[in-house]
Amino acid sequence: MTASSPFLLLSGGHLLVRADQMTALLRHVAAVWLQATDRGETDYDPATVLALANGLMEVADQIDAECIALLPPKDEEEEDDDAEDAED
């Protein structure tokens, strides 16, 4: 399953929702579904619940990967820190 997460970004590149909160929510919902199914608290088909939970976890992983890709390269980050230190 692949999903794009442009709903997290505004046009200026600012995050609409904190990615760590969004991915934590997705993973939590998946875990609750799996736990309820394991305990027999639901009549849902276990295979379907597992597939849906895996889908949510994949979306969370995709969001994490996209956010990591938005980070500046380590070299640029160090240069920015050095420039700020020189200004002080």
PDB file of N, CA and C in Angstrom:
ATOM      1  N   MET A   1       0.849  -1.176   0.000  1.00  0.00           N
ATOM      2  CA  MET A   1       0.000   0.000   0.000  1.00  0.00           C
ATOM      3  C   MET A   1       0.893   1.236   0.000  1.00  0.00           C
ATOM      4  N   THR A   2       0.625   2.127  -0.915  1.00  0.00           N
ATOM      5  CA  THR A   2       1.349   3.390  -0.921  1.00  0.00           C
ATOM      6  C   THR A   2       0.333   4.516  -0.808  1.00  0.00           C
ATOM      7  N   ALA A   3       0.713   5.510  -0.062  1.00  0.00           N
ATOM      8  CA  ALA A   3      -0.162   6.668   0.114  1.00  0.00           C
ATOM      9  C   ALA A   3       0.698   7.913   0.175  1.00  0.00           C
ATOM     10  N   SER A   4       0.186   8.953  -0.387  1.00  0.00           N
ATOM     11  CA  SER A   4       0.876  10.232  -0.316  1.00  0.00           C
ATOM     12  C   SER A   4       0.250  11.025   0.828  1.00  0.00           C
ATOM     13  N   SER A   5       1.054  11.807   1.506  1.00  0.00           N
ATOM     14  CA  SER A   5       0.514  12.552   2.644  1.00  0.00           C
ATOM     15  C   SER A   5       0.622  14.067   2.472  1.00  0.00           C
ATOM     16  N   PRO A   6       0.181  14.614   1.321  1.00  0.00           N
ATOM     17  CA  PRO A   6       0.258  16.060   1.153  1.00  0.00           C
ATOM     18  C   PRO A   6      -0.679  16.798   2.113  1.00  0.00           C
ATOM     19  N   PHE A   7      -1.617  16.084   2.711  1.00  0.00           N
ATOM     20  CA  PHE A   7      -2.537  16.718   3.645  1.00  0.00           C
ATOM     21  C   PHE A   7      -1.824  17.208   4.898  1.00  0.00           C
ATOM     22  N   LEU A   8      -0.582  16.812   5.086  1.00  0.00           N
ATOM     23  CA  LEU A   8       0.175  17.244   6.250  1.00  0.00           C
ATOM     24  C   LEU A   8       0.908  18.562   6.023  1.00  0.00           C
ATOM     25  N   LEU A   9       1.073  18.944   4.766  1.00  0.00           N
ATOM     26  CA  LEU A   9       1.868  20.134   4.447  1.00  0.00           C
ATOM     27  C   LEU A   9       1.022  21.257   3.882  1.00  0.00           C
ATOM     28  N   LEU A  10       1.310  22.476   4.347  1.00  0.00           N
ATOM     29  CA  LEU A  10       0.720  23.659   3.737  1.00  0.00           C
ATOM     30  C   LEU A  10       1.625  24.092   2.593  1.00  0.00           C
ATOM     31  N   SER A  11       1.165  25.010   1.764  1.00  0.00           N
ATOM     32  CA  SER A  11       1.928  25.399   0.580  1.00  0.00           C
ATOM     33  C   SER A  11       3.311  25.945   0.919  1.00  0.00           C
ATOM     34  N   GLY A  12       3.490  26.580   2.053  1.00  0.00           N
ATOM     35  CA  GLY A  12       4.793  27.124   2.429  1.00  0.00           C
ATOM     36  C   GLY A  12       5.734  26.096   3.018  1.00  0.00           C
ATOM     37  N   GLY A  13       5.315  24.840   3.044  1.00  0.00           N
ATOM     38  CA  GLY A  13       6.154  23.792   3.589  1.00  0.00           C
ATOM     39  C   GLY A  13       5.973  23.572   5.084  1.00  0.00           C
ATOM     40  N   HIS A  14       5.054  24.328   5.694  1.00  0.00           N
ATOM     41  CA  HIS A  14       4.801  24.167   7.124  1.00  0.00           C
ATOM     42  C   HIS A  14       3.878  22.979   7.345  1.00  0.00           C
ATOM     43  N   LEU A  15       4.104  22.259   8.430  1.00  0.00           N
ATOM     44  CA  LEU A  15       3.270  21.112   8.747  1.00  0.00           C
ATOM     45  C   LEU A  15       1.929  21.569   9.303  1.00  0.00           C
ATOM     46  N   LEU A  16       0.864  20.992   8.795  1.00  0.00           N
ATOM     47  CA  LEU A  16      -0.473  21.278   9.277  1.00  0.00           C
ATOM     48  C   LEU A  16      -0.719  20.550  10.597  1.00  0.00           C
ATOM     49  N   VAL A  17      -0.197  19.349  10.694  1.00  0.00           N
ATOM     50  CA  VAL A  17      -0.318  18.511  11.884  1.00  0.00           C
ATOM     51  C   VAL A  17       1.081  18.010  12.212  1.00  0.00           C
ATOM     52  N   ARG A  18       1.424  17.972  13.494  1.00  0.00           N
ATOM     53  CA  ARG A  18       2.734  17.431  13.850  1.00  0.00           C
ATOM     54  C   ARG A  18       2.787  15.977  13.417  1.00  0.00           C
ATOM     55  N   ALA A  19       3.777  15.657  12.640  1.00  0.00           N
ATOM     56  CA  ALA A  19       3.885  14.316  12.067  1.00  0.00           C
ATOM     57  C   ALA A  19       4.000  13.249  13.145  1.00  0.00           C
ATOM     58  N   ASP A  20       4.726  13.530  14.211  1.00  0.00           N
ATOM     59  CA  ASP A  20       4.875  12.514  15.246  1.00  0.00           C
ATOM     60  C   ASP A  20       3.549  12.225  15.933  1.00  0.00           C
ATOM     61  N   GLN A  21       2.697  13.236  16.068  1.00  0.00           N
ATOM     62  CA  GLN A  21       1.377  13.010  16.650  1.00  0.00           C
ATOM     63  C   GLN A  21       0.489  12.205  15.704  1.00  0.00           C
ATOM     64  N   MET A  22       0.569  12.524  14.421  1.00  0.00           N
ATOM     65  CA  MET A  22      -0.240  11.809  13.433  1.00  0.00           C
ATOM     66  C   MET A  22       0.171  10.342  13.352  1.00  0.00           C
ATOM     67  N   THR A  23       1.467  10.082  13.282  1.00  0.00           N
ATOM     68  CA  THR A  23       1.912   8.692  13.168  1.00  0.00           C
ATOM     69  C   THR A  23       1.635   7.924  14.455  1.00  0.00           C
ATOM     70  N   ALA A  24       1.753   8.590  15.605  1.00  0.00           N
ATOM     71  CA  ALA A  24       1.426   7.928  16.875  1.00  0.00           C
ATOM     72  C   ALA A  24      -0.056   7.567  16.919  1.00  0.00           C
ATOM     73  N   LEU A  25      -0.907   8.458  16.427  1.00  0.00           N
ATOM     74  CA  LEU A  25      -2.341   8.179  16.393  1.00  0.00           C
ATOM     75  C   LEU A  25      -2.652   6.988  15.490  1.00  0.00           C
ATOM     76  N   LEU A  26      -2.074   6.981  14.308  1.00  0.00           N
ATOM     77  CA  LEU A  26      -2.311   5.865  13.380  1.00  0.00           C
ATOM     78  C   LEU A  26      -1.862   4.537  13.979  1.00  0.00           C
ATOM     79  N   ARG A  27      -0.690   4.536  14.586  1.00  0.00           N
ATOM     80  CA  ARG A  27      -0.178   3.296  15.191  1.00  0.00           C
ATOM     81  C   ARG A  27      -1.019   2.874  16.401  1.00  0.00           C
ATOM     82  N   HIS A  28      -1.503   3.845  17.155  1.00  0.00           N
ATOM     83  CA  HIS A  28      -2.337   3.531  18.320  1.00  0.00           C
ATOM     84  C   HIS A  28      -3.664   2.905  17.876  1.00  0.00           C
ATOM     85  N   VAL A  29      -4.298   3.489  16.869  1.00  0.00           N
ATOM     86  CA  VAL A  29      -5.560   2.937  16.360  1.00  0.00           C
ATOM     87  C   VAL A  29      -5.340   1.503  15.875  1.00  0.00           C
ATOM     88  N   ALA A  30      -4.266   1.269  15.145  1.00  0.00           N
ATOM     89  CA  ALA A  30      -3.970  -0.084  14.666  1.00  0.00           C
ATOM     90  C   ALA A  30      -3.793  -1.047  15.835  1.00  0.00           C
ATOM     91  N   ALA A  31      -3.079  -0.617  16.867  1.00  0.00           N
ATOM     92  CA  ALA A  31      -2.845  -1.479  18.031  1.00  0.00           C
ATOM     93  C   ALA A  31      -4.143  -1.791  18.766  1.00  0.00           C
ATOM     94  N   VAL A  32      -5.010  -0.790  18.909  1.00  0.00           N
ATOM     95  CA  VAL A  32      -6.295  -1.006  19.589  1.00  0.00           C
ATOM     96  C   VAL A  32      -7.139  -2.011  18.807  1.00  0.00           C
ATOM     97  N   TRP A  33      -7.170  -1.870  17.490  1.00  0.00           N
ATOM     98  CA  TRP A  33      -7.923  -2.829  16.669  1.00  0.00           C
ATOM     99  C   TRP A  33      -7.401  -4.242  16.877  1.00  0.00           C
ATOM    100  N   LEU A  34      -6.078  -4.391  16.835  1.00  0.00           N
ATOM    101  CA  LEU A  34      -5.487  -5.724  16.980  1.00  0.00           C
ATOM    102  C   LEU A  34      -5.749  -6.305  18.369  1.00  0.00           C
ATOM    103  N   GLN A  35      -5.622  -5.485  19.400  1.00  0.00           N
ATOM    104  CA  GLN A  35      -5.860  -5.960  20.761  1.00  0.00           C
ATOM    105  C   GLN A  35      -7.313  -6.378  20.953  1.00  0.00           C
ATOM    106  N   ALA A  36      -8.243  -5.590  20.456  1.00  0.00           N
ATOM    107  CA  ALA A  36      -9.663  -5.926  20.582  1.00  0.00           C
ATOM    108  C   ALA A  36      -9.974  -7.235  19.859  1.00  0.00           C
ATOM    109  N   THR A  37      -9.363  -7.436  18.719  1.00  0.00           N
ATOM    110  CA  THR A  37      -9.574  -8.665  17.963  1.00  0.00           C
ATOM    111  C   THR A  37      -8.956  -9.854  18.686  1.00  0.00           C
ATOM    112  N   ASP A  38      -7.744  -9.675  19.210  1.00  0.00           N
ATOM    113  CA  ASP A  38      -7.077 -10.760  19.940  1.00  0.00           C
ATOM    114  C   ASP A  38      -7.865 -11.183  21.177  1.00  0.00           C
ATOM    115  N   ARG A  39      -8.505 -10.243  21.846  1.00  0.00           N
ATOM    116  CA  ARG A  39      -9.271 -10.541  23.065  1.00  0.00           C
ATOM    117  C   ARG A  39     -10.670 -11.062  22.759  1.00  0.00           C
ATOM    118  N   GLY A  40     -11.047 -11.066  21.482  1.00  0.00           N
ATOM    119  CA  GLY A  40     -12.388 -11.521  21.112  1.00  0.00           C
ATOM    120  C   GLY A  40     -13.465 -10.514  21.440  1.00  0.00           C
ATOM    121  N   GLU A  41     -13.109  -9.242  21.545  1.00  0.00           N
ATOM    122  CA  GLU A  41     -14.063  -8.196  21.900  1.00  0.00           C
ATOM    123  C   GLU A  41     -14.836  -7.667  20.701  1.00  0.00           C
ATOM    124  N   THR A  42     -14.588  -8.222  19.548  1.00  0.00           N
ATOM    125  CA  THR A  42     -15.243  -7.757  18.329  1.00  0.00           C
ATOM    126  C   THR A  42     -15.591  -8.952  17.452  1.00  0.00           C
ATOM    127  N   ASP A  43     -16.564  -8.765  16.606  1.00  0.00           N
ATOM    128  CA  ASP A  43     -16.973  -9.826  15.680  1.00  0.00           C
ATOM    129  C   ASP A  43     -16.286  -9.685  14.326  1.00  0.00           C
ATOM    130  N   TYR A  44     -15.368  -8.749  14.209  1.00  0.00           N
ATOM    131  CA  TYR A  44     -14.707  -8.515  12.930  1.00  0.00           C
ATOM    132  C   TYR A  44     -13.786  -9.678  12.566  1.00  0.00           C
ATOM    133  N   ASP A  45     -13.627  -9.867  11.282  1.00  0.00           N
ATOM    134  CA  ASP A  45     -12.743 -10.915  10.775  1.00  0.00           C
ATOM    135  C   ASP A  45     -11.293 -10.562  11.113  1.00  0.00           C
ATOM    136  N   PRO A  46     -10.595 -11.434  11.842  1.00  0.00           N
ATOM    137  CA  PRO A  46      -9.213 -11.137  12.250  1.00  0.00           C
ATOM    138  C   PRO A  46      -8.276 -10.840  11.082  1.00  0.00           C
ATOM    139  N   ALA A  47      -8.450 -11.526   9.977  1.00  0.00           N
ATOM    140  CA  ALA A  47      -7.573 -11.288   8.822  1.00  0.00           C
ATOM    141  C   ALA A  47      -7.797  -9.889   8.245  1.00  0.00           C
ATOM    142  N   THR A  48      -9.046  -9.459   8.235  1.00  0.00           N
ATOM    143  CA  THR A  48      -9.363  -8.116   7.734  1.00  0.00           C
ATOM    144  C   THR A  48      -8.798  -7.051   8.671  1.00  0.00           C
ATOM    145  N   VAL A  49      -8.971  -7.261   9.969  1.00  0.00           N
ATOM    146  CA  VAL A  49      -8.440  -6.312  10.950  1.00  0.00           C
ATOM    147  C   VAL A  49      -6.921  -6.221  10.818  1.00  0.00           C
ATOM    148  N   LEU A  50      -6.273  -7.363  10.672  1.00  0.00           N
ATOM    149  CA  LEU A  50      -4.814  -7.371  10.508  1.00  0.00           C
ATOM    150  C   LEU A  50      -4.402  -6.596   9.260  1.00  0.00           C
ATOM    151  N   ALA A  51      -5.121  -6.812   8.162  1.00  0.00           N
ATOM    152  CA  ALA A  51      -4.803  -6.099   6.918  1.00  0.00           C
ATOM    153  C   ALA A  51      -4.999  -4.591   7.082  1.00  0.00           C
ATOM    154  N   LEU A  52      -6.079  -4.188   7.740  1.00  0.00           N
ATOM    155  CA  LEU A  52      -6.330  -2.763   7.954  1.00  0.00           C
ATOM    156  C   LEU A  52      -5.292  -2.153   8.897  1.00  0.00           C
ATOM    157  N   ALA A  53      -4.953  -2.872   9.951  1.00  0.00           N
ATOM    158  CA  ALA A  53      -3.942  -2.376  10.895  1.00  0.00           C
ATOM    159  C   ALA A  53      -2.595  -2.243  10.198  1.00  0.00           C
ATOM    160  N   ASN A  54      -2.240  -3.218   9.387  1.00  0.00           N
ATOM    161  CA  ASN A  54      -0.986  -3.129   8.631  1.00  0.00           C
ATOM    162  C   ASN A  54      -1.005  -1.936   7.688  1.00  0.00           C
ATOM    163  N   GLY A  55      -2.159  -1.673   7.081  1.00  0.00           N
ATOM    164  CA  GLY A  55      -2.287  -0.514   6.201  1.00  0.00           C
ATOM    165  C   GLY A  55      -2.056   0.789   6.945  1.00  0.00           C
ATOM    166  N   LEU A  56      -2.623   0.912   8.148  1.00  0.00           N
ATOM    167  CA  LEU A  56      -2.406   2.123   8.949  1.00  0.00           C
ATOM    168  C   LEU A  56      -0.941   2.278   9.321  1.00  0.00           C
ATOM    169  N   MET A  57      -0.306   1.177   9.683  1.00  0.00           N
ATOM    170  CA  MET A  57       1.110   1.253  10.056  1.00  0.00           C
ATOM    171  C   MET A  57       1.981   1.613   8.853  1.00  0.00           C
ATOM    172  N   GLU A  58       1.606   1.136   7.670  1.00  0.00           N
ATOM    173  CA  GLU A  58       2.353   1.503   6.465  1.00  0.00           C
ATOM    174  C   GLU A  58       2.213   2.992   6.158  1.00  0.00           C
ATOM    175  N   VAL A  59       1.007   3.527   6.353  1.00  0.00           N
ATOM    176  CA  VAL A  59       0.808   4.964   6.133  1.00  0.00           C
ATOM    177  C   VAL A  59       1.656   5.760   7.129  1.00  0.00           C
ATOM    178  N   ALA A  60       1.685   5.312   8.386  1.00  0.00           N
ATOM    179  CA  ALA A  60       2.511   5.987   9.406  1.00  0.00           C
ATOM    180  C   ALA A  60       3.985   5.935   9.009  1.00  0.00           C
ATOM    181  N   ASP A  61       4.442   4.785   8.526  1.00  0.00           N
ATOM    182  CA  ASP A  61       5.831   4.668   8.080  1.00  0.00           C
ATOM    183  C   ASP A  61       6.115   5.597   6.902  1.00  0.00           C
ATOM    184  N   GLN A  62       5.147   5.700   5.986  1.00  0.00           N
ATOM    185  CA  GLN A  62       5.309   6.572   4.816  1.00  0.00           C
ATOM    186  C   GLN A  62       5.414   8.031   5.249  1.00  0.00           C
ATOM    187  N   ILE A  63       4.581   8.434   6.198  1.00  0.00           N
ATOM    188  CA  ILE A  63       4.635   9.811   6.710  1.00  0.00           C
ATOM    189  C   ILE A  63       6.000  10.071   7.344  1.00  0.00           C
ATOM    190  N   ASP A  64       6.469   9.121   8.151  1.00  0.00           N
ATOM    191  CA  ASP A  64       7.800   9.268   8.759  1.00  0.00           C
ATOM    192  C   ASP A  64       8.872   9.448   7.688  1.00  0.00           C
ATOM    193  N   ALA A  65       8.824   8.609   6.662  1.00  0.00           N
ATOM    194  CA  ALA A  65       9.829   8.670   5.599  1.00  0.00           C
ATOM    195  C   ALA A  65       9.773  10.004   4.864  1.00  0.00           C
ATOM    196  N   GLU A  66       8.554  10.488   4.573  1.00  0.00           N
ATOM    197  CA  GLU A  66       8.418  11.763   3.862  1.00  0.00           C
ATOM    198  C   GLU A  66       8.925  12.927   4.714  1.00  0.00           C
ATOM    199  N   CYS A  67       8.676  12.869   6.004  1.00  0.00           N
ATOM    200  CA  CYS A  67       9.149  13.945   6.885  1.00  0.00           C
ATOM    201  C   CYS A  67      10.665  13.926   7.017  1.00  0.00           C
ATOM    202  N   ILE A  68      11.235  12.743   7.075  1.00  0.00           N
ATOM    203  CA  ILE A  68      12.694  12.634   7.127  1.00  0.00           C
ATOM    204  C   ILE A  68      13.300  13.200   5.845  1.00  0.00           C
ATOM    205  N   ALA A  69      12.638  12.940   4.724  1.00  0.00           N
ATOM    206  CA  ALA A  69      13.135  13.452   3.445  1.00  0.00           C
ATOM    207  C   ALA A  69      13.086  14.980   3.385  1.00  0.00           C
ATOM    208  N   LEU A  70      12.205  15.599   4.169  1.00  0.00           N
ATOM    209  CA  LEU A  70      12.102  17.058   4.185  1.00  0.00           C
ATOM    210  C   LEU A  70      13.212  17.723   4.995  1.00  0.00           C
ATOM    211  N   LEU A  71      13.877  16.956   5.848  1.00  0.00           N
ATOM    212  CA  LEU A  71      14.944  17.515   6.676  1.00  0.00           C
ATOM    213  C   LEU A  71      16.111  17.962   5.803  1.00  0.00           C
ATOM    214  N   PRO A  72      16.753  19.058   6.173  1.00  0.00           N
ATOM    215  CA  PRO A  72      17.917  19.482   5.385  1.00  0.00           C
ATOM    216  C   PRO A  72      19.050  18.481   5.576  1.00  0.00           C
ATOM    217  N   PRO A  73      19.903  18.351   4.561  1.00  0.00           N
ATOM    218  CA  PRO A  73      21.058  17.454   4.718  1.00  0.00           C
ATOM    219  C   PRO A  73      21.887  17.875   5.930  1.00  0.00           C
ATOM    220  N   LYS A  74      22.568  16.933   6.522  1.00  0.00           N
ATOM    221  CA  LYS A  74      23.355  17.179   7.736  1.00  0.00           C
ATOM    222  C   LYS A  74      24.380  18.294   7.511  1.00  0.00           C
ATOM    223  N   ASP A  75      25.003  18.355   6.338  1.00  0.00           N
ATOM    224  CA  ASP A  75      26.002  19.389   6.043  1.00  0.00           C
ATOM    225  C   ASP A  75      25.387  20.784   6.118  1.00  0.00           C
ATOM    226  N   GLU A  76      24.195  20.970   5.551  1.00  0.00           N
ATOM    227  CA  GLU A  76      23.525  22.270   5.571  1.00  0.00           C
ATOM    228  C   GLU A  76      23.170  22.659   6.998  1.00  0.00           C
ATOM    229  N   GLU A  77      22.736  21.696   7.782  1.00  0.00           N
ATOM    230  CA  GLU A  77      22.363  21.941   9.169  1.00  0.00           C
ATOM    231  C   GLU A  77      23.572  22.442   9.960  1.00  0.00           C
ATOM    232  N   GLU A  78      24.722  21.814   9.764  1.00  0.00           N
ATOM    233  CA  GLU A  78      25.944  22.214  10.466  1.00  0.00           C
ATOM    234  C   GLU A  78      26.389  23.604  10.025  1.00  0.00           C
ATOM    235  N   GLU A  79      26.262  23.907   8.712  1.00  0.00           N
ATOM    236  CA  GLU A  79      26.637  25.221   8.205  1.00  0.00           C
ATOM    237  C   GLU A  79      25.749  26.295   8.813  1.00  0.00           C
ATOM    238  N   ASP A  80      24.440  26.027   8.948  1.00  0.00           N
ATOM    239  CA  ASP A  80      23.521  26.986   9.550  1.00  0.00           C
ATOM    240  C   ASP A  80      23.902  27.239  11.005  1.00  0.00           C
ATOM    241  N   ASP A  81      24.251  26.184  11.739  1.00  0.00           N
ATOM    242  CA  ASP A  81      24.668  26.329  13.136  1.00  0.00           C
ATOM    243  C   ASP A  81      25.940  27.165  13.237  1.00  0.00           C
ATOM    244  N   ASP A  82      26.890  26.914  12.318  1.00  0.00           N
ATOM    245  CA  ASP A  82      28.159  27.651  12.329  1.00  0.00           C
ATOM    246  C   ASP A  82      27.895  29.140  12.032  1.00  0.00           C
ATOM    247  N   ALA A  83      26.995  29.433  11.110  1.00  0.00           N
ATOM    248  CA  ALA A  83      26.683  30.810  10.760  1.00  0.00           C
ATOM    249  C   ALA A  83      26.039  31.517  11.934  1.00  0.00           C
ATOM    250  N   GLU A  84      25.164  30.843  12.655  1.00  0.00           N
ATOM    251  CA  GLU A  84      24.513  31.442  13.820  1.00  0.00           C
ATOM    252  C   GLU A  84      25.537  31.712  14.915  1.00  0.00           C
ATOM    253  N   ASP A  85      26.485  30.779  15.117  1.00  0.00           N
ATOM    254  CA  ASP A  85      27.529  30.964  16.124  1.00  0.00           C
ATOM    255  C   ASP A  85      28.402  32.164  15.784  1.00  0.00           C
ATOM    256  N   ALA A  86      28.702  32.360  14.503  1.00  0.00           N
ATOM    257  CA  ALA A  86      29.559  33.464  14.074  1.00  0.00           C
ATOM    258  C   ALA A  86      28.853  34.802  14.292  1.00  0.00           C
ATOM    259  N   GLU A  87      27.525  34.820  14.180  1.00  0.00           N
ATOM    260  CA  GLU A  87      26.779  36.050  14.385  1.00  0.00           C
ATOM    261  C   GLU A  87      26.761  36.461  15.839  1.00  0.00           C
ATOM    262  N   ASP A  88      26.831  35.498  16.756  1.00  0.00           N
ATOM    263  CA  ASP A  88      26.766  35.788  18.192  1.00  0.00           C
ATOM    264  C   ASP A  88      28.064  36.315  18.644  1.00  0.00           C
TER     265      ASP A  88
END
